[in-house]
């Protein structure tokens, strides 16, 4: 319990301080609630709009999970291919880096035109936003395997798959999970981008709707739900890392 308090206590205290300062400023400064609602107003919006937030949150969560899973498969698959072949590394890795120079927000409308307004463009955008840190960290992790251990396994007759399973993949796991944690945050951002481009449901669509109505407290409520989804995904990755 003492260790848990040392770990959880400081961020909770900081959160309470920030919320208290926010509440004090919003209520005493005379600022309009349409510009900056007080935390109590956001809490009221969360409760009053719980049905709409719950419905939209389930849609966005499903998009995030599918896109994140696609990013994991794409990122790890590319990393394994790059680490297994020098030719693949020279051919693919530079384009992997170049792909991140293209703003996903700019090409998201094109993806919608190609695939339609269903679930597919959201999953594609989330995967494109999220896969890069997974791929790069996995490549670095696979390269970090002990060369002497690999030489020993090769001397003992271990094939490429066994060397990968016994030496490279265990060495890469900490790097893989570092990429997965970063990708968990990016997946939530990608979901909002995708829903802003073309959607009829979801938290991103709800934020646009509330923003057009100048319902700022409701916008903050939707953002709070997005934050909870991101924190939950990050925590799930951390638990998986601890287990593995």
C-alpha atoms as a PDB file:
ATOM      1  CA  UNK A   1       0.000   0.000   0.000  1.00  0.00           C
ATOM      2  CA  UNK A   2       2.838   2.360   0.830  1.00  0.00           C
ATOM      3  CA  UNK A   3       4.511   1.671  -2.526  1.00  0.00           C
ATOM      4  CA  UNK A   4       1.192   2.215  -4.308  1.00  0.00           C
ATOM      5  CA  UNK A   5       0.700   5.558  -2.541  1.00  0.00           C
ATOM      6  CA  UNK A   6       4.220   6.663  -3.495  1.00  0.00           C
ATOM      7  CA  UNK A   7       3.462   5.845  -7.125  1.00  0.00           C
ATOM      8  CA  UNK A   8      -0.110   7.119  -7.404  1.00  0.00           C
ATOM      9  CA  UNK A   9      -0.074   9.907  -4.816  1.00  0.00           C
ATOM     10  CA  UNK A  10       2.051  12.569  -6.593  1.00  0.00           C
ATOM     11  CA  UNK A  11       0.106  12.538  -9.913  1.00  0.00           C
ATOM     12  CA  UNK A  12      -3.207  12.598  -8.013  1.00  0.00           C
ATOM     13  CA  UNK A  13      -2.081  15.560  -5.923  1.00  0.00           C
ATOM     14  CA  UNK A  14      -0.931  17.377  -9.072  1.00  0.00           C
ATOM     15  CA  UNK A  15      -4.290  16.633 -10.731  1.00  0.00           C
ATOM     16  CA  UNK A  16      -6.193  18.054  -7.761  1.00  0.00           C
ATOM     17  CA  UNK A  17      -4.005  21.167  -7.744  1.00  0.00           C
ATOM     18  CA  UNK A  18      -4.566  21.738 -11.478  1.00  0.00           C
ATOM     19  CA  UNK A  19      -8.314  21.160 -11.189  1.00  0.00           C
ATOM     20  CA  UNK A  20      -8.510  23.477  -8.187  1.00  0.00           C
ATOM     21  CA  UNK A  21      -6.612  26.252  -9.970  1.00  0.00           C
ATOM     22  CA  UNK A  22      -8.752  25.737 -13.082  1.00  0.00           C
ATOM     23  CA  UNK A  23     -11.971  25.916 -11.036  1.00  0.00           C
ATOM     24  CA  UNK A  24     -10.806  29.021  -9.210  1.00  0.00           C
ATOM     25  CA  UNK A  25      -9.788  30.815 -12.401  1.00  0.00           C
ATOM     26  CA  UNK A  26     -12.954  29.836 -14.317  1.00  0.00           C
ATOM     27  CA  UNK A  27     -15.265  31.033 -11.530  1.00  0.00           C
ATOM     28  CA  UNK A  28     -13.393  34.126 -10.292  1.00  0.00           C
ATOM     29  CA  UNK A  29     -11.867  35.621 -13.449  1.00  0.00           C
ATOM     30  CA  UNK A  30     -15.155  36.348 -15.178  1.00  0.00           C
ATOM     31  CA  UNK A  31     -14.184  34.379 -18.266  1.00  0.00           C
ATOM     32  CA  UNK A  32     -17.093  33.076 -20.318  1.00  0.00           C
ATOM     33  CA  UNK A  33     -17.984  29.414 -19.889  1.00  0.00           C
ATOM     34  CA  UNK A  34     -18.114  29.193 -23.691  1.00  0.00           C
ATOM     35  CA  UNK A  35     -14.385  29.948 -23.667  1.00  0.00           C
ATOM     36  CA  UNK A  36     -13.291  27.993 -20.598  1.00  0.00           C
ATOM     37  CA  UNK A  37     -15.867  26.030 -18.612  1.00  0.00           C
ATOM     38  CA  UNK A  38     -15.138  25.151 -14.999  1.00  0.00           C
ATOM     39  CA  UNK A  39     -14.360  21.514 -14.112  1.00  0.00           C
ATOM     40  CA  UNK A  40     -17.718  21.300 -12.354  1.00  0.00           C
ATOM     41  CA  UNK A  41     -19.444  22.277 -15.615  1.00  0.00           C
ATOM     42  CA  UNK A  42     -17.449  19.627 -17.474  1.00  0.00           C
ATOM     43  CA  UNK A  43     -18.474  17.048 -14.870  1.00  0.00           C
ATOM     44  CA  UNK A  44     -22.115  18.075 -15.324  1.00  0.00           C
ATOM     45  CA  UNK A  45     -21.741  17.743 -19.115  1.00  0.00           C
ATOM     46  CA  UNK A  46     -20.243  14.281 -18.625  1.00  0.00           C
ATOM     47  CA  UNK A  47     -23.240  13.184 -16.593  1.00  0.00           C
ATOM     48  CA  UNK A  48     -25.924  14.850 -18.692  1.00  0.00           C
ATOM     49  CA  UNK A  49     -24.435  13.597 -21.967  1.00  0.00           C
ATOM     50  CA  UNK A  50     -23.480  10.148 -20.715  1.00  0.00           C
ATOM     51  CA  UNK A  51     -25.708   8.304 -23.179  1.00  0.00           C
ATOM     52  CA  UNK A  52     -24.331  10.099 -26.232  1.00  0.00           C
ATOM     53  CA  UNK A  53     -20.764   9.824 -24.919  1.00  0.00           C
ATOM     54  CA  UNK A  54     -21.189   6.116 -24.196  1.00  0.00           C
ATOM     55  CA  UNK A  55     -22.533   5.415 -27.691  1.00  0.00           C
ATOM     56  CA  UNK A  56     -19.868   7.502 -29.434  1.00  0.00           C
ATOM     57  CA  UNK A  57     -17.142   6.162 -27.147  1.00  0.00           C
ATOM     58  CA  UNK A  58     -17.898   2.556 -28.086  1.00  0.00           C
ATOM     59  CA  UNK A  59     -17.630   3.430 -31.792  1.00  0.00           C
ATOM     60  CA  UNK A  60     -14.300   5.211 -31.334  1.00  0.00           C
ATOM     61  CA  UNK A  61     -12.935   2.488 -29.062  1.00  0.00           C
ATOM     62  CA  UNK A  62     -13.709  -0.181 -31.661  1.00  0.00           C
ATOM     63  CA  UNK A  63     -11.961   1.883 -34.349  1.00  0.00           C
ATOM     64  CA  UNK A  64      -8.941   2.380 -32.105  1.00  0.00           C
ATOM     65  CA  UNK A  65      -8.623  -1.304 -31.248  1.00  0.00           C
ATOM     66  CA  UNK A  66      -8.844  -2.417 -34.883  1.00  0.00           C
ATOM     67  CA  UNK A  67      -6.433   0.273 -36.086  1.00  0.00           C
ATOM     68  CA  UNK A  68      -4.016  -0.411 -33.253  1.00  0.00           C
ATOM     69  CA  UNK A  69      -4.028  -4.146 -33.955  1.00  0.00           C
ATOM     70  CA  UNK A  70      -3.378  -3.447 -37.643  1.00  0.00           C
ATOM     71  CA  UNK A  71      -0.498  -1.147 -36.654  1.00  0.00           C
ATOM     72  CA  UNK A  72       1.025  -3.857 -34.457  1.00  0.00           C
ATOM     73  CA  UNK A  73       0.858  -6.449 -37.249  1.00  0.00           C
ATOM     74  CA  UNK A  74       2.202  -4.007 -39.846  1.00  0.00           C
ATOM     75  CA  UNK A  75       4.921  -2.545 -37.633  1.00  0.00           C
ATOM     76  CA  UNK A  76       6.263  -5.826 -36.247  1.00  0.00           C
ATOM     77  CA  UNK A  77       6.008  -7.533 -39.646  1.00  0.00           C
ATOM     78  CA  UNK A  78       7.986  -4.788 -41.372  1.00  0.00           C
ATOM     79  CA  UNK A  79      10.575  -4.769 -38.594  1.00  0.00           C
ATOM     80  CA  UNK A  80      11.118  -8.533 -38.804  1.00  0.00           C
ATOM     81  CA  UNK A  81      11.446  -8.333 -42.602  1.00  0.00           C
ATOM     82  CA  UNK A  82      13.920  -5.450 -42.351  1.00  0.00           C
ATOM     83  CA  UNK A  83      16.050  -7.193 -39.732  1.00  0.00           C
ATOM     84  CA  UNK A  84      16.051 -10.489 -41.630  1.00  0.00           C
ATOM     85  CA  UNK A  85      17.403  -9.118 -44.909  1.00  0.00           C
ATOM     86  CA  UNK A  86      19.988  -6.436 -45.673  1.00  0.00           C
ATOM     87  CA  UNK A  87      18.354  -5.952 -49.061  1.00  0.00           C
ATOM     88  CA  UNK A  88      14.943  -5.414 -47.435  1.00  0.00           C
ATOM     89  CA  UNK A  89      16.511  -2.964 -44.999  1.00  0.00           C
ATOM     90  CA  UNK A  90      18.108  -0.909 -47.769  1.00  0.00           C
ATOM     91  CA  UNK A  91      14.923  -0.979 -49.842  1.00  0.00           C
ATOM     92  CA  UNK A  92      12.230  -0.484 -47.189  1.00  0.00           C
ATOM     93  CA  UNK A  93      13.704   1.421 -44.237  1.00  0.00           C
ATOM     94  CA  UNK A  94      14.280   4.752 -46.056  1.00  0.00           C
ATOM     95  CA  UNK A  95      10.689   4.715 -47.327  1.00  0.00           C
ATOM     96  CA  UNK A  96       9.502   3.855 -43.845  1.00  0.00           C
ATOM     97  CA  UNK A  97      11.072   7.092 -42.637  1.00  0.00           C
ATOM     98  CA  UNK A  98       9.811   9.070 -45.638  1.00  0.00           C
ATOM     99  CA  UNK A  99       6.267   7.873 -44.962  1.00  0.00           C
ATOM    100  CA  UNK A 100       6.288   9.854 -41.720  1.00  0.00           C
ATOM    101  CA  UNK A 101       7.147  13.069 -43.546  1.00  0.00           C
ATOM    102  CA  UNK A 102       3.698  12.992 -45.195  1.00  0.00           C
ATOM    103  CA  UNK A 103       1.005  14.488 -42.919  1.00  0.00           C
ATOM    104  CA  UNK A 104      -1.648  11.850 -42.376  1.00  0.00           C
ATOM    105  CA  UNK A 105      -4.240  14.604 -41.983  1.00  0.00           C
ATOM    106  CA  UNK A 106      -3.515  15.699 -45.557  1.00  0.00           C
ATOM    107  CA  UNK A 107      -4.013  12.267 -47.109  1.00  0.00           C
ATOM    108  CA  UNK A 108      -6.911  11.172 -44.882  1.00  0.00           C
ATOM    109  CA  UNK A 109      -9.514  12.705 -47.248  1.00  0.00           C
ATOM    110  CA  UNK A 110      -7.976  10.749 -50.128  1.00  0.00           C
ATOM    111  CA  UNK A 111      -8.241   7.540 -48.107  1.00  0.00           C
ATOM    112  CA  UNK A 112     -11.914   8.316 -47.505  1.00  0.00           C
ATOM    113  CA  UNK A 113     -12.444   8.837 -51.242  1.00  0.00           C
ATOM    114  CA  UNK A 114     -10.773   5.493 -51.981  1.00  0.00           C
ATOM    115  CA  UNK A 115     -12.534   3.426 -49.323  1.00  0.00           C
ATOM    116  CA  UNK A 116     -15.796   5.211 -48.510  1.00  0.00           C
ATOM    117  CA  UNK A 117     -17.296   6.508 -45.281  1.00  0.00           C
ATOM    118  CA  UNK A 118     -17.446   3.186 -43.436  1.00  0.00           C
ATOM    119  CA  UNK A 119     -15.055   1.753 -40.845  1.00  0.00           C
ATOM    120  CA  UNK A 120     -12.161   1.127 -43.243  1.00  0.00           C
ATOM    121  CA  UNK A 121     -10.720   4.667 -43.583  1.00  0.00           C
ATOM    122  CA  UNK A 122     -10.701   5.110 -39.803  1.00  0.00           C
ATOM    123  CA  UNK A 123      -8.800   1.864 -39.279  1.00  0.00           C
ATOM    124  CA  UNK A 124      -6.330   2.726 -42.063  1.00  0.00           C
ATOM    125  CA  UNK A 125      -5.635   6.225 -40.712  1.00  0.00           C
ATOM    126  CA  UNK A 126      -5.149   4.927 -37.156  1.00  0.00           C
ATOM    127  CA  UNK A 127      -2.802   2.197 -38.393  1.00  0.00           C
ATOM    128  CA  UNK A 128      -0.769   4.665 -40.484  1.00  0.00           C
ATOM    129  CA  UNK A 129      -0.442   7.060 -37.562  1.00  0.00           C
ATOM    130  CA  UNK A 130       0.519   4.335 -35.070  1.00  0.00           C
ATOM    131  CA  UNK A 131       2.720   1.800 -36.841  1.00  0.00           C
ATOM    132  CA  UNK A 132       5.916   3.869 -37.188  1.00  0.00           C
ATOM    133  CA  UNK A 133       7.099   3.836 -33.524  1.00  0.00           C
ATOM    134  CA  UNK A 134       6.338   0.116 -33.343  1.00  0.00           C
ATOM    135  CA  UNK A 135       8.359  -0.623 -36.482  1.00  0.00           C
ATOM    136  CA  UNK A 136      11.355   1.554 -35.592  1.00  0.00           C
ATOM    137  CA  UNK A 137      11.583   0.364 -31.993  1.00  0.00           C
ATOM    138  CA  UNK A 138      11.240  -3.274 -33.035  1.00  0.00           C
ATOM    139  CA  UNK A 139      14.028  -2.884 -35.615  1.00  0.00           C
ATOM    140  CA  UNK A 140      16.292  -1.367 -32.942  1.00  0.00           C
ATOM    141  CA  UNK A 141      15.364  -4.158 -30.534  1.00  0.00           C
ATOM    142  CA  UNK A 142      16.115  -6.932 -33.011  1.00  0.00           C
ATOM    143  CA  UNK A 143      19.476  -5.320 -33.732  1.00  0.00           C
ATOM    144  CA  UNK A 144      20.295  -5.191 -30.021  1.00  0.00           C
ATOM    145  CA  UNK A 145      20.607  -8.970 -29.641  1.00  0.00           C
ATOM    146  CA  UNK A 146      23.996 -10.063 -28.264  1.00  0.00           C
ATOM    147  CA  UNK A 147      26.234 -10.952 -31.261  1.00  0.00           C
ATOM    148  CA  UNK A 148      28.154 -13.510 -29.203  1.00  0.00           C
ATOM    149  CA  UNK A 149      24.925 -15.242 -28.256  1.00  0.00           C
ATOM    150  CA  UNK A 150      23.889 -15.337 -31.917  1.00  0.00           C
ATOM    151  CA  UNK A 151      27.301 -16.737 -32.894  1.00  0.00           C
ATOM    152  CA  UNK A 152      27.034 -19.382 -30.192  1.00  0.00           C
ATOM    153  CA  UNK A 153      23.579 -20.446 -31.377  1.00  0.00           C
ATOM    154  CA  UNK A 154      24.804 -20.513 -34.979  1.00  0.00           C
ATOM    155  CA  UNK A 155      27.784 -22.658 -33.943  1.00  0.00           C
ATOM    156  CA  UNK A 156      25.445 -25.078 -32.182  1.00  0.00           C
ATOM    157  CA  UNK A 157      23.448 -25.499 -35.388  1.00  0.00           C
ATOM    158  CA  UNK A 158      20.483 -23.239 -34.620  1.00  0.00           C
ATOM    159  CA  UNK A 159      18.686 -22.062 -37.726  1.00  0.00           C
ATOM    160  CA  UNK A 160      17.467 -18.546 -38.384  1.00  0.00           C
ATOM    161  CA  UNK A 161      14.059 -19.115 -36.765  1.00  0.00           C
ATOM    162  CA  UNK A 162      15.568 -20.576 -33.585  1.00  0.00           C
ATOM    163  CA  UNK A 163      18.092 -17.743 -33.323  1.00  0.00           C
ATOM    164  CA  UNK A 164      15.212 -15.297 -33.717  1.00  0.00           C
ATOM    165  CA  UNK A 165      13.104 -17.046 -31.083  1.00  0.00           C
ATOM    166  CA  UNK A 166      15.846 -17.607 -28.501  1.00  0.00           C
ATOM    167  CA  UNK A 167      17.968 -14.461 -28.862  1.00  0.00           C
ATOM    168  CA  UNK A 168      16.587 -11.705 -31.058  1.00  0.00           C
ATOM    169  CA  UNK A 169      12.937 -11.618 -29.996  1.00  0.00           C
ATOM    170  CA  UNK A 170      13.603 -11.671 -26.214  1.00  0.00           C
ATOM    171  CA  UNK A 171      16.136  -8.857 -26.687  1.00  0.00           C
ATOM    172  CA  UNK A 172      13.634  -6.889 -28.757  1.00  0.00           C
ATOM    173  CA  UNK A 173      10.661  -7.142 -26.370  1.00  0.00           C
ATOM    174  CA  UNK A 174      11.511  -4.079 -24.219  1.00  0.00           C
ATOM    175  CA  UNK A 175      11.903  -2.011 -27.393  1.00  0.00           C
ATOM    176  CA  UNK A 176       8.680  -3.418 -28.846  1.00  0.00           C
ATOM    177  CA  UNK A 177       6.691  -2.382 -25.791  1.00  0.00           C
ATOM    178  CA  UNK A 178       8.230   1.086 -25.838  1.00  0.00           C
ATOM    179  CA  UNK A 179       6.875   1.451 -29.354  1.00  0.00           C
ATOM    180  CA  UNK A 180       3.525  -0.013 -28.344  1.00  0.00           C
ATOM    181  CA  UNK A 181       3.102   2.537 -25.555  1.00  0.00           C
ATOM    182  CA  UNK A 182       3.823   5.434 -27.911  1.00  0.00           C
ATOM    183  CA  UNK A 183       1.493   3.946 -30.519  1.00  0.00           C
ATOM    184  CA  UNK A 184      -1.296   3.660 -27.927  1.00  0.00           C
ATOM    185  CA  UNK A 185      -1.348   7.436 -27.570  1.00  0.00           C
ATOM    186  CA  UNK A 186      -1.059   8.024 -31.315  1.00  0.00           C
ATOM    187  CA  UNK A 187      -3.953   5.649 -32.013  1.00  0.00           C
ATOM    188  CA  UNK A 188      -6.333   7.897 -30.079  1.00  0.00           C
ATOM    189  CA  UNK A 189      -5.106  10.961 -31.985  1.00  0.00           C
ATOM    190  CA  UNK A 190      -5.471   9.088 -35.278  1.00  0.00           C
ATOM    191  CA  UNK A 191      -9.053   8.136 -34.441  1.00  0.00           C
ATOM    192  CA  UNK A 192      -9.984  11.789 -33.898  1.00  0.00           C
ATOM    193  CA  UNK A 193      -8.319  12.797 -37.188  1.00  0.00           C
ATOM    194  CA  UNK A 194     -10.148  10.043 -39.050  1.00  0.00           C
ATOM    195  CA  UNK A 195     -13.530  10.996 -37.621  1.00  0.00           C
ATOM    196  CA  UNK A 196     -12.991  14.664 -38.379  1.00  0.00           C
ATOM    197  CA  UNK A 197     -12.421  13.824 -42.042  1.00  0.00           C
ATOM    198  CA  UNK A 198     -15.508  11.701 -42.557  1.00  0.00           C
ATOM    199  CA  UNK A 199     -17.745  10.123 -39.942  1.00  0.00           C
ATOM    200  CA  UNK A 200     -21.299  10.155 -38.700  1.00  0.00           C
ATOM    201  CA  UNK A 201     -20.537   8.832 -35.209  1.00  0.00           C
ATOM    202  CA  UNK A 202     -17.738   8.615 -32.683  1.00  0.00           C
ATOM    203  CA  UNK A 203     -16.142  10.985 -30.205  1.00  0.00           C
ATOM    204  CA  UNK A 204     -14.290  12.953 -32.884  1.00  0.00           C
ATOM    205  CA  UNK A 205     -17.553  13.569 -34.725  1.00  0.00           C
ATOM    206  CA  UNK A 206     -19.179  14.499 -31.420  1.00  0.00           C
ATOM    207  CA  UNK A 207     -16.430  17.043 -30.709  1.00  0.00           C
ATOM    208  CA  UNK A 208     -17.012  18.694 -34.089  1.00  0.00           C
ATOM    209  CA  UNK A 209     -20.755  18.809 -33.451  1.00  0.00           C
ATOM    210  CA  UNK A 210     -20.379  20.315 -29.985  1.00  0.00           C
ATOM    211  CA  UNK A 211     -17.767  22.778 -31.235  1.00  0.00           C
ATOM    212  CA  UNK A 212     -20.123  24.042 -33.939  1.00  0.00           C
ATOM    213  CA  UNK A 213     -22.737  24.580 -31.215  1.00  0.00           C
ATOM    214  CA  UNK A 214     -20.179  26.362 -28.972  1.00  0.00           C
ATOM    215  CA  UNK A 215     -20.931  23.747 -26.314  1.00  0.00           C
ATOM    216  CA  UNK A 216     -17.430  23.963 -24.850  1.00  0.00           C
ATOM    217  CA  UNK A 217     -18.188  21.984 -21.699  1.00  0.00           C
ATOM    218  CA  UNK A 218     -19.453  19.112 -23.847  1.00  0.00           C
ATOM    219  CA  UNK A 219     -16.288  19.310 -25.964  1.00  0.00           C
ATOM    220  CA  UNK A 220     -14.201  18.986 -22.800  1.00  0.00           C
ATOM    221  CA  UNK A 221     -16.368  16.035 -21.717  1.00  0.00           C
ATOM    222  CA  UNK A 222     -15.730  14.215 -25.011  1.00  0.00           C
ATOM    223  CA  UNK A 223     -12.010  14.955 -24.720  1.00  0.00           C
ATOM    224  CA  UNK A 224     -12.055  13.526 -21.181  1.00  0.00           C
ATOM    225  CA  UNK A 225     -13.579  10.286 -22.474  1.00  0.00           C
ATOM    226  CA  UNK A 226     -10.892  10.119 -25.181  1.00  0.00           C
ATOM    227  CA  UNK A 227      -8.252  10.594 -22.498  1.00  0.00           C
ATOM    228  CA  UNK A 228      -9.711   7.740 -20.452  1.00  0.00           C
ATOM    229  CA  UNK A 229      -9.612   5.466 -23.523  1.00  0.00           C
ATOM    230  CA  UNK A 230      -5.984   6.397 -24.177  1.00  0.00           C
ATOM    231  CA  UNK A 231      -4.984   5.840 -20.550  1.00  0.00           C
ATOM    232  CA  UNK A 232      -6.765   2.473 -20.481  1.00  0.00           C
ATOM    233  CA  UNK A 233      -4.988   1.333 -23.660  1.00  0.00           C
ATOM    234  CA  UNK A 234      -1.637   2.518 -22.308  1.00  0.00           C
ATOM    235  CA  UNK A 235      -2.280   0.675 -19.037  1.00  0.00           C
ATOM    236  CA  UNK A 236      -3.254  -2.519 -20.891  1.00  0.00           C
ATOM    237  CA  UNK A 237       0.032  -2.413 -22.829  1.00  0.00           C
ATOM    238  CA  UNK A 238       1.970  -1.860 -19.590  1.00  0.00           C
ATOM    239  CA  UNK A 239       0.251  -4.839 -17.953  1.00  0.00           C
ATOM    240  CA  UNK A 240       1.027  -7.030 -20.981  1.00  0.00           C
ATOM    241  CA  UNK A 241       4.649  -5.893 -20.804  1.00  0.00           C
ATOM    242  CA  UNK A 242       4.873  -6.819 -17.128  1.00  0.00           C
ATOM    243  CA  UNK A 243       3.377 -10.277 -17.806  1.00  0.00           C
ATOM    244  CA  UNK A 244       5.691 -11.001 -20.733  1.00  0.00           C
END
